[in-house]
Amino acid sequence: MAEAKNGLLTLYGKDRKELMNLFVVASNTKEDKYHPVNIQQKEEAEAFGQFAQAFAREINEANGITDVKAAKKEARKG
């Protein structure tokens, strides 16, 4: 199962437990000595958001998931 919203792609295992989150931020600014550069990638963040929506739809359709919210709720019960 997969869920995409606000530029965040969350992937779940067959047991519907969260596996990982993927995202691309539009702006990643210099914060300290470990983050020495400013990265501006608005177009890439928007493209990832579109990819995430399409990918989640494809994954969920292939696995018979029509309602992610309901599937997550069902997983918490069981």
C-alpha atoms as a PDB file:
ATOM      1  CA  MET A   1       0.000   0.000   0.000  1.00  0.00           C
ATOM      2  CA  ALA A   2       1.163   3.571  -0.606  1.00  0.00           C
ATOM      3  CA  GLU A   3      -0.106   6.984   0.447  1.00  0.00           C
ATOM      4  CA  ALA A   4       0.833  10.309  -1.102  1.00  0.00           C
ATOM      5  CA  LYS A   5      -0.080  13.706   0.260  1.00  0.00           C
ATOM      6  CA  ASN A   6       1.615  17.075   0.548  1.00  0.00           C
ATOM      7  CA  GLY A   7       4.690  15.850  -1.320  1.00  0.00           C
ATOM      8  CA  LEU A   8       5.234  12.929   1.065  1.00  0.00           C
ATOM      9  CA  LEU A   9       5.126   9.325  -0.171  1.00  0.00           C
ATOM     10  CA  THR A  10       4.570   6.725   2.550  1.00  0.00           C
ATOM     11  CA  LEU A  11       5.077   3.077   1.682  1.00  0.00           C
ATOM     12  CA  TYR A  12       3.535   0.198   3.648  1.00  0.00           C
ATOM     13  CA  GLY A  13       4.270  -3.524   3.695  1.00  0.00           C
ATOM     14  CA  LYS A  14       1.764  -6.280   2.962  1.00  0.00           C
ATOM     15  CA  ASP A  15       0.955  -6.235   6.693  1.00  0.00           C
ATOM     16  CA  ARG A  16       0.059  -2.537   6.230  1.00  0.00           C
ATOM     17  CA  LYS A  17       2.741  -1.402   8.634  1.00  0.00           C
ATOM     18  CA  GLU A  18       4.673   1.679   7.587  1.00  0.00           C
ATOM     19  CA  LEU A  19       7.988   0.895   5.912  1.00  0.00           C
ATOM     20  CA  MET A  20       9.351   4.286   4.879  1.00  0.00           C
ATOM     21  CA  ASN A  21       8.651   7.879   3.924  1.00  0.00           C
ATOM     22  CA  LEU A  22      10.103   9.565   0.856  1.00  0.00           C
ATOM     23  CA  PHE A  23       9.983  13.265   0.048  1.00  0.00           C
ATOM     24  CA  VAL A  24      11.686  16.032  -1.895  1.00  0.00           C
ATOM     25  CA  VAL A  25      11.703  19.470  -0.320  1.00  0.00           C
ATOM     26  CA  ALA A  26      11.516  22.612  -2.432  1.00  0.00           C
ATOM     27  CA  SER A  27      14.081  24.462  -0.343  1.00  0.00           C
ATOM     28  CA  ASN A  28      16.939  23.014   1.682  1.00  0.00           C
ATOM     29  CA  THR A  29      18.883  25.855   3.223  1.00  0.00           C
ATOM     30  CA  LYS A  30      22.269  26.139   4.872  1.00  0.00           C
ATOM     31  CA  GLU A  31      21.693  25.460   8.556  1.00  0.00           C
ATOM     32  CA  ASP A  32      25.071  24.553  10.006  1.00  0.00           C
ATOM     33  CA  LYS A  33      28.504  23.214   9.106  1.00  0.00           C
ATOM     34  CA  TYR A  34      26.981  19.848   8.114  1.00  0.00           C
ATOM     35  CA  HIS A  35      24.599  21.472   5.620  1.00  0.00           C
ATOM     36  CA  PRO A  36      26.904  23.937   3.844  1.00  0.00           C
ATOM     37  CA  VAL A  37      24.855  24.700   0.714  1.00  0.00           C
ATOM     38  CA  ASN A  38      21.495  26.146  -0.212  1.00  0.00           C
ATOM     39  CA  ILE A  39      19.444  23.984  -2.549  1.00  0.00           C
ATOM     40  CA  GLN A  40      16.383  25.370  -4.302  1.00  0.00           C
ATOM     41  CA  GLN A  41      14.442  22.725  -6.227  1.00  0.00           C
ATOM     42  CA  LYS A  42      10.829  23.833  -6.547  1.00  0.00           C
ATOM     43  CA  GLU A  43      10.301  22.112  -9.915  1.00  0.00           C
ATOM     44  CA  GLU A  44      11.791  18.850  -8.663  1.00  0.00           C
ATOM     45  CA  ALA A  45       9.612  18.902  -5.544  1.00  0.00           C
ATOM     46  CA  GLU A  46       6.506  19.479  -7.668  1.00  0.00           C
ATOM     47  CA  ALA A  47       7.526  16.680 -10.055  1.00  0.00           C
ATOM     48  CA  PHE A  48       8.078  14.299  -7.132  1.00  0.00           C
ATOM     49  CA  GLY A  49       4.626  15.166  -5.764  1.00  0.00           C
ATOM     50  CA  GLN A  50       3.060  14.245  -9.115  1.00  0.00           C
ATOM     51  CA  PHE A  51       5.122  11.059  -9.310  1.00  0.00           C
ATOM     52  CA  ALA A  52       4.131  10.122  -5.737  1.00  0.00           C
ATOM     53  CA  GLN A  53       0.411  10.498  -6.523  1.00  0.00           C
ATOM     54  CA  ALA A  54       0.665   8.343  -9.655  1.00  0.00           C
ATOM     55  CA  PHE A  55       2.878   5.751  -7.951  1.00  0.00           C
ATOM     56  CA  ALA A  56       0.538   5.442  -4.952  1.00  0.00           C
ATOM     57  CA  ARG A  57      -2.456   5.010  -7.278  1.00  0.00           C
ATOM     58  CA  GLU A  58      -0.651   2.277  -9.230  1.00  0.00           C
ATOM     59  CA  ILE A  59       0.502   0.412  -6.107  1.00  0.00           C
ATOM     60  CA  ASN A  60      -2.903   0.592  -4.443  1.00  0.00           C
ATOM     61  CA  GLU A  61      -4.782  -0.519  -7.570  1.00  0.00           C
ATOM     62  CA  ALA A  62      -2.425  -3.487  -7.984  1.00  0.00           C
ATOM     63  CA  ASN A  63      -3.120  -4.512  -4.379  1.00  0.00           C
ATOM     64  CA  GLY A  64      -6.876  -3.919  -4.355  1.00  0.00           C
ATOM     65  CA  ILE A  65      -6.695  -0.940  -1.990  1.00  0.00           C
ATOM     66  CA  THR A  66      -9.480   1.528  -2.734  1.00  0.00           C
ATOM     67  CA  ASP A  67      -9.392   3.480   0.539  1.00  0.00           C
ATOM     68  CA  VAL A  68      -6.012   3.946   2.228  1.00  0.00           C
ATOM     69  CA  LYS A  69      -7.523   5.523   5.339  1.00  0.00           C
ATOM     70  CA  ALA A  70      -9.854   2.551   5.841  1.00  0.00           C
ATOM     71  CA  ALA A  71      -7.020   0.072   5.196  1.00  0.00           C
ATOM     72  CA  LYS A  72      -4.839   1.777   7.825  1.00  0.00           C
ATOM     73  CA  LYS A  73      -7.726   1.741  10.305  1.00  0.00           C
ATOM     74  CA  GLU A  74      -8.346  -1.950   9.618  1.00  0.00           C
ATOM     75  CA  ALA A  75      -4.643  -2.717  10.161  1.00  0.00           C
ATOM     76  CA  ARG A  76      -4.713  -0.991  13.576  1.00  0.00           C
ATOM     77  CA  LYS A  77      -7.656  -3.174  14.653  1.00  0.00           C
ATOM     78  CA  GLY A  78      -6.124  -6.442  13.600  1.00  0.00           C
END
